[in-house]
Structure formats: C-alpha cells, structure tokens
Amino acid sequence: MEKIIETVTIEGVDFTIIEKPKTLYAGFHSVAPNIEGEPDFEDAYKRFQEKHSKIIDSTVPECMICFSIGYTEWNRTRDVIREGMFGRETTNPNQAEGIKVIEAPPCLLIRVKVTNESWNLVEKIMGEKLMPHFFGTMGNLFFTPERRFTNDGDLEMEYHYSDGTKYAAIPVKKY
C-alpha cells in the first residue's frame, strides 16, 4: 500500500512524495525500432483500449497508466531505446499472451495532479504547456541540493482516471 511521506506546496501546487512498495504493472507495450526512433504509443494505446479487460487482478481498474521509458530529460544524453506502455497496476504476474508485466522495485514517487495551477507552473518553468514538461518541472524543482532528490530510473508515468483526473509521477530517491 502506498504511504504519503510528505506534501510539498510550490506556488499553490501540491507535490506529493509517496513511498510505493514493489508494484506489478501489466499492459500493452511498444519499443522504438532504434535509438533515434519512437515507440508506437498509438498502437499500444489502441491495444489497451481493445484488451484492457484481459488484465488479470487489476488493483485500480478505473486508472490507466501511460509509461514513458527512456524519455527522462535528465538522461537524454544516454543512448537508450525508448519504450512506451499503457497499463494498470496488478497483483498477478501471470497475464495473458501479449500483456507485458513490469515489476517495479520499492521506491519513492513524486506525484502532482494535473490542474490549471500545475499547468501554469509547468509553463512558467518550462516555457510551454506540454505533458512531458511536467516531468522536467519536477526535476527542476526537486533535483536540487536543498530538496535532495535525484531520479531513480528512466521512467515517467501519467495516471489517467476514468473520472478525468490526471497525475504525473516520477520515481525518485533521496540523498
């Protein structure tokens, strides 16, 4: 079960630091054809929409998570093949054929709700309102000597709930 460690409010926007246990994610995955390429997010999303009901033992069925792997702005100098996945949290590592399972180790997450206020902060810090800039904003605000966080992996997550609520999150570690 997730545990809220702290909420940091910056310019009216709440960033929640969460302790997350080992978590299984199941979903529909795409890998870029090469280092310069992009994964086929559209195909992965289409497969998720068509087959998400086949994900066994989803713990939060009203939430779709979009995973971007290899995109983190602070790791862009590395040669990595980018990946994407649309999925859900699950308790079952045994899924149907075609459903990828990722096991994430215990970690801390920084999570922020996507609101007008958080969009305005993203635009102020990054110069424009693009979803990927939420992750850069979190890095700019938290990967500092004062806050003492650094990234923990090469993963960015967007949580999309069926009621329209959205969150952006990144795994981090404290130093």
Foldseek 3Di string as FASTA:
>chain_A
DKDFDDWDADQNWTKTKIWFAWWKKKAAKFWAPAQPGDTPVVVRVVCCVVCVVQFPAFPASQKKKKKWFQPQPVRVVDRDTIMITITGIGPDCDGDPRMDMDIDHTFIKIKTKDDPSLQVQLCVVVVHRDVVSSNVSCCVVQVDPVNQKDFDHGMKMWMAGNVGIIMIMGTIDGD
